[in-house]
């Protein structure tokens, strides 16, 4: 039971990290010093997608699920949890690159807005 709870906690942390990577720049608009945390996180998220790699949280979650008697799953976090909602046919390399580009484009737009606000002051 504890392994399943830990696996679910890793899943929640992983999901929160993905949301922070994509939309954390919006928090930076309110709290600019958060950029010191968000920029490395966004860069890491984009690099994972561009490189076709898995986040280290993925194998940790799978391992905890197996320790709890559950079955692991094939592929990564995005392919297992998010892509079935967005791309029912699964994760392709082009979809993965598109997700990386999404991270970059959203965050460049947000940081451009932040820089424009700073220049106005």
C-alpha atoms as a PDB file:
ATOM      1  CA  UNK A   1       0.000   0.000   0.000  1.00  0.00           C
ATOM      2  CA  UNK A   2       2.799   2.426   0.880  1.00  0.00           C
ATOM      3  CA  UNK A   3       4.491   1.801  -2.498  1.00  0.00           C
ATOM      4  CA  UNK A   4       1.311   2.714  -4.347  1.00  0.00           C
ATOM      5  CA  UNK A   5       0.940   5.885  -2.286  1.00  0.00           C
ATOM      6  CA  UNK A   6       4.565   6.796  -3.009  1.00  0.00           C
ATOM      7  CA  UNK A   7       4.084   6.059  -6.727  1.00  0.00           C
ATOM      8  CA  UNK A   8       0.984   8.278  -6.752  1.00  0.00           C
ATOM      9  CA  UNK A   9       2.951  11.023  -4.975  1.00  0.00           C
ATOM     10  CA  UNK A  10       5.682  10.809  -7.633  1.00  0.00           C
ATOM     11  CA  UNK A  11       2.964  10.955 -10.305  1.00  0.00           C
ATOM     12  CA  UNK A  12       1.485  14.095  -8.712  1.00  0.00           C
ATOM     13  CA  UNK A  13       4.932  15.678  -8.436  1.00  0.00           C
ATOM     14  CA  UNK A  14       5.663  14.791 -12.055  1.00  0.00           C
ATOM     15  CA  UNK A  15       2.410  16.308 -13.265  1.00  0.00           C
ATOM     16  CA  UNK A  16       3.035  19.461 -11.215  1.00  0.00           C
ATOM     17  CA  UNK A  17       6.517  19.710 -12.732  1.00  0.00           C
ATOM     18  CA  UNK A  18       5.150  19.382 -16.281  1.00  0.00           C
ATOM     19  CA  UNK A  19       2.589  22.127 -15.608  1.00  0.00           C
ATOM     20  CA  UNK A  20       5.318  24.306 -14.058  1.00  0.00           C
ATOM     21  CA  UNK A  21       7.576  23.765 -17.093  1.00  0.00           C
ATOM     22  CA  UNK A  22       4.856  24.791 -19.544  1.00  0.00           C
ATOM     23  CA  UNK A  23       3.067  27.522 -17.595  1.00  0.00           C
ATOM     24  CA  UNK A  24       5.472  28.501 -14.810  1.00  0.00           C
ATOM     25  CA  UNK A  25       6.402  31.612 -16.725  1.00  0.00           C
ATOM     26  CA  UNK A  26       2.997  32.985 -15.757  1.00  0.00           C
ATOM     27  CA  UNK A  27       4.098  32.770 -12.124  1.00  0.00           C
ATOM     28  CA  UNK A  28       7.278  34.607 -13.091  1.00  0.00           C
ATOM     29  CA  UNK A  29       5.144  37.507 -14.329  1.00  0.00           C
ATOM     30  CA  UNK A  30       3.908  37.877 -10.746  1.00  0.00           C
ATOM     31  CA  UNK A  31       7.125  36.861  -8.952  1.00  0.00           C
ATOM     32  CA  UNK A  32      10.089  37.646 -11.247  1.00  0.00           C
ATOM     33  CA  UNK A  33      12.659  36.011  -8.942  1.00  0.00           C
ATOM     34  CA  UNK A  34      10.988  32.672  -9.623  1.00  0.00           C
ATOM     35  CA  UNK A  35      12.670  32.824 -13.043  1.00  0.00           C
ATOM     36  CA  UNK A  36      15.814  31.417 -11.394  1.00  0.00           C
ATOM     37  CA  UNK A  37      13.875  28.207 -10.764  1.00  0.00           C
ATOM     38  CA  UNK A  38      11.607  28.227 -13.792  1.00  0.00           C
ATOM     39  CA  UNK A  39      14.181  28.808 -16.552  1.00  0.00           C
ATOM     40  CA  UNK A  40      16.269  25.727 -15.663  1.00  0.00           C
ATOM     41  CA  UNK A  41      13.086  23.660 -15.270  1.00  0.00           C
ATOM     42  CA  UNK A  42      11.761  24.806 -18.654  1.00  0.00           C
ATOM     43  CA  UNK A  43      15.131  24.159 -20.288  1.00  0.00           C
ATOM     44  CA  UNK A  44      15.225  20.663 -18.751  1.00  0.00           C
ATOM     45  CA  UNK A  45      11.681  19.920 -19.935  1.00  0.00           C
ATOM     46  CA  UNK A  46      12.402  21.094 -23.471  1.00  0.00           C
ATOM     47  CA  UNK A  47      15.700  19.168 -23.605  1.00  0.00           C
ATOM     48  CA  UNK A  48      13.940  15.983 -22.501  1.00  0.00           C
ATOM     49  CA  UNK A  49      11.430  16.341 -25.317  1.00  0.00           C
ATOM     50  CA  UNK A  50      13.966  17.325 -27.982  1.00  0.00           C
ATOM     51  CA  UNK A  51      16.313  14.531 -26.934  1.00  0.00           C
ATOM     52  CA  UNK A  52      13.584  11.904 -26.739  1.00  0.00           C
ATOM     53  CA  UNK A  53      14.597  11.094 -23.159  1.00  0.00           C
ATOM     54  CA  UNK A  54      12.544  10.203 -20.100  1.00  0.00           C
ATOM     55  CA  UNK A  55      12.456  12.278 -16.959  1.00  0.00           C
ATOM     56  CA  UNK A  56      14.077  10.443 -14.017  1.00  0.00           C
ATOM     57  CA  UNK A  57      10.731  10.559 -12.232  1.00  0.00           C
ATOM     58  CA  UNK A  58       9.293   8.113 -14.791  1.00  0.00           C
ATOM     59  CA  UNK A  59      11.434   5.094 -13.867  1.00  0.00           C
ATOM     60  CA  UNK A  60      11.044   5.969 -10.183  1.00  0.00           C
ATOM     61  CA  UNK A  61       7.269   5.880 -10.456  1.00  0.00           C
ATOM     62  CA  UNK A  62       7.379   2.605 -12.429  1.00  0.00           C
ATOM     63  CA  UNK A  63       9.689   1.039  -9.844  1.00  0.00           C
ATOM     64  CA  UNK A  64       7.450   2.075  -6.951  1.00  0.00           C
ATOM     65  CA  UNK A  65       4.398   0.685  -8.748  1.00  0.00           C
ATOM     66  CA  UNK A  66       6.123  -2.664  -9.256  1.00  0.00           C
ATOM     67  CA  UNK A  67       7.239  -2.749  -5.592  1.00  0.00           C
ATOM     68  CA  UNK A  68       3.578  -2.288  -4.687  1.00  0.00           C
ATOM     69  CA  UNK A  69       2.599  -5.293  -6.799  1.00  0.00           C
ATOM     70  CA  UNK A  70       1.273  -3.226  -9.664  1.00  0.00           C
ATOM     71  CA  UNK A  71       2.317  -3.382 -13.263  1.00  0.00           C
ATOM     72  CA  UNK A  72       4.717  -0.928 -14.751  1.00  0.00           C
ATOM     73  CA  UNK A  73       3.979   0.622 -18.087  1.00  0.00           C
ATOM     74  CA  UNK A  74       5.877   1.051 -21.322  1.00  0.00           C
ATOM     75  CA  UNK A  75       7.147   4.413 -22.472  1.00  0.00           C
ATOM     76  CA  UNK A  76       7.367   7.630 -20.533  1.00  0.00           C
ATOM     77  CA  UNK A  77       5.143   9.755 -18.352  1.00  0.00           C
ATOM     78  CA  UNK A  78       3.840  11.901 -21.208  1.00  0.00           C
ATOM     79  CA  UNK A  79       3.171   8.903 -23.430  1.00  0.00           C
ATOM     80  CA  UNK A  80       1.362   7.028 -20.668  1.00  0.00           C
ATOM     81  CA  UNK A  81      -0.663   9.776 -18.955  1.00  0.00           C
ATOM     82  CA  UNK A  82      -0.884  12.876 -21.134  1.00  0.00           C
ATOM     83  CA  UNK A  83      -0.765  11.738 -24.746  1.00  0.00           C
ATOM     84  CA  UNK A  84      -3.805   9.485 -24.525  1.00  0.00           C
ATOM     85  CA  UNK A  85      -5.758  12.686 -23.848  1.00  0.00           C
ATOM     86  CA  UNK A  86      -3.986  14.761 -26.496  1.00  0.00           C
ATOM     87  CA  UNK A  87      -2.844  12.252 -29.097  1.00  0.00           C
ATOM     88  CA  UNK A  88      -4.841   9.000 -28.907  1.00  0.00           C
ATOM     89  CA  UNK A  89      -2.465   7.195 -31.284  1.00  0.00           C
ATOM     90  CA  UNK A  90       0.528   7.548 -28.962  1.00  0.00           C
ATOM     91  CA  UNK A  91       3.777   9.393 -28.816  1.00  0.00           C
ATOM     92  CA  UNK A  92       5.575   9.843 -32.090  1.00  0.00           C
ATOM     93  CA  UNK A  93       8.926  11.551 -32.467  1.00  0.00           C
ATOM     94  CA  UNK A  94       7.309  14.491 -34.256  1.00  0.00           C
ATOM     95  CA  UNK A  95       4.736  14.848 -31.463  1.00  0.00           C
ATOM     96  CA  UNK A  96       7.537  14.844 -28.923  1.00  0.00           C
ATOM     97  CA  UNK A  97       9.405  17.589 -30.802  1.00  0.00           C
ATOM     98  CA  UNK A  98       6.134  19.543 -31.055  1.00  0.00           C
ATOM     99  CA  UNK A  99       5.726  19.316 -27.273  1.00  0.00           C
ATOM    100  CA  UNK A 100       9.271  20.610 -26.826  1.00  0.00           C
ATOM    101  CA  UNK A 101       8.541  23.478 -29.194  1.00  0.00           C
ATOM    102  CA  UNK A 102       5.352  24.224 -27.274  1.00  0.00           C
ATOM    103  CA  UNK A 103       7.376  24.580 -24.078  1.00  0.00           C
ATOM    104  CA  UNK A 104       9.823  26.920 -25.790  1.00  0.00           C
ATOM    105  CA  UNK A 105       7.221  29.059 -27.590  1.00  0.00           C
ATOM    106  CA  UNK A 106       4.950  29.505 -24.572  1.00  0.00           C
ATOM    107  CA  UNK A 107       7.834  30.446 -22.329  1.00  0.00           C
ATOM    108  CA  UNK A 108       9.532  32.762 -24.837  1.00  0.00           C
ATOM    109  CA  UNK A 109       6.231  34.629 -25.188  1.00  0.00           C
ATOM    110  CA  UNK A 110       5.821  34.927 -21.429  1.00  0.00           C
ATOM    111  CA  UNK A 111       9.398  36.059 -20.843  1.00  0.00           C
ATOM    112  CA  UNK A 112       9.150  38.555 -23.713  1.00  0.00           C
ATOM    113  CA  UNK A 113       6.146  40.037 -21.939  1.00  0.00           C
ATOM    114  CA  UNK A 114       8.096  40.150 -18.682  1.00  0.00           C
ATOM    115  CA  UNK A 115      11.014  41.932 -20.358  1.00  0.00           C
ATOM    116  CA  UNK A 116       8.668  44.422 -22.026  1.00  0.00           C
ATOM    117  CA  UNK A 117       7.122  45.232 -18.624  1.00  0.00           C
ATOM    118  CA  UNK A 118      10.557  45.719 -17.102  1.00  0.00           C
ATOM    119  CA  UNK A 119      11.576  48.094 -19.889  1.00  0.00           C
ATOM    120  CA  UNK A 120       8.445  50.186 -19.333  1.00  0.00           C
ATOM    121  CA  UNK A 121       9.457  50.746 -15.704  1.00  0.00           C
END
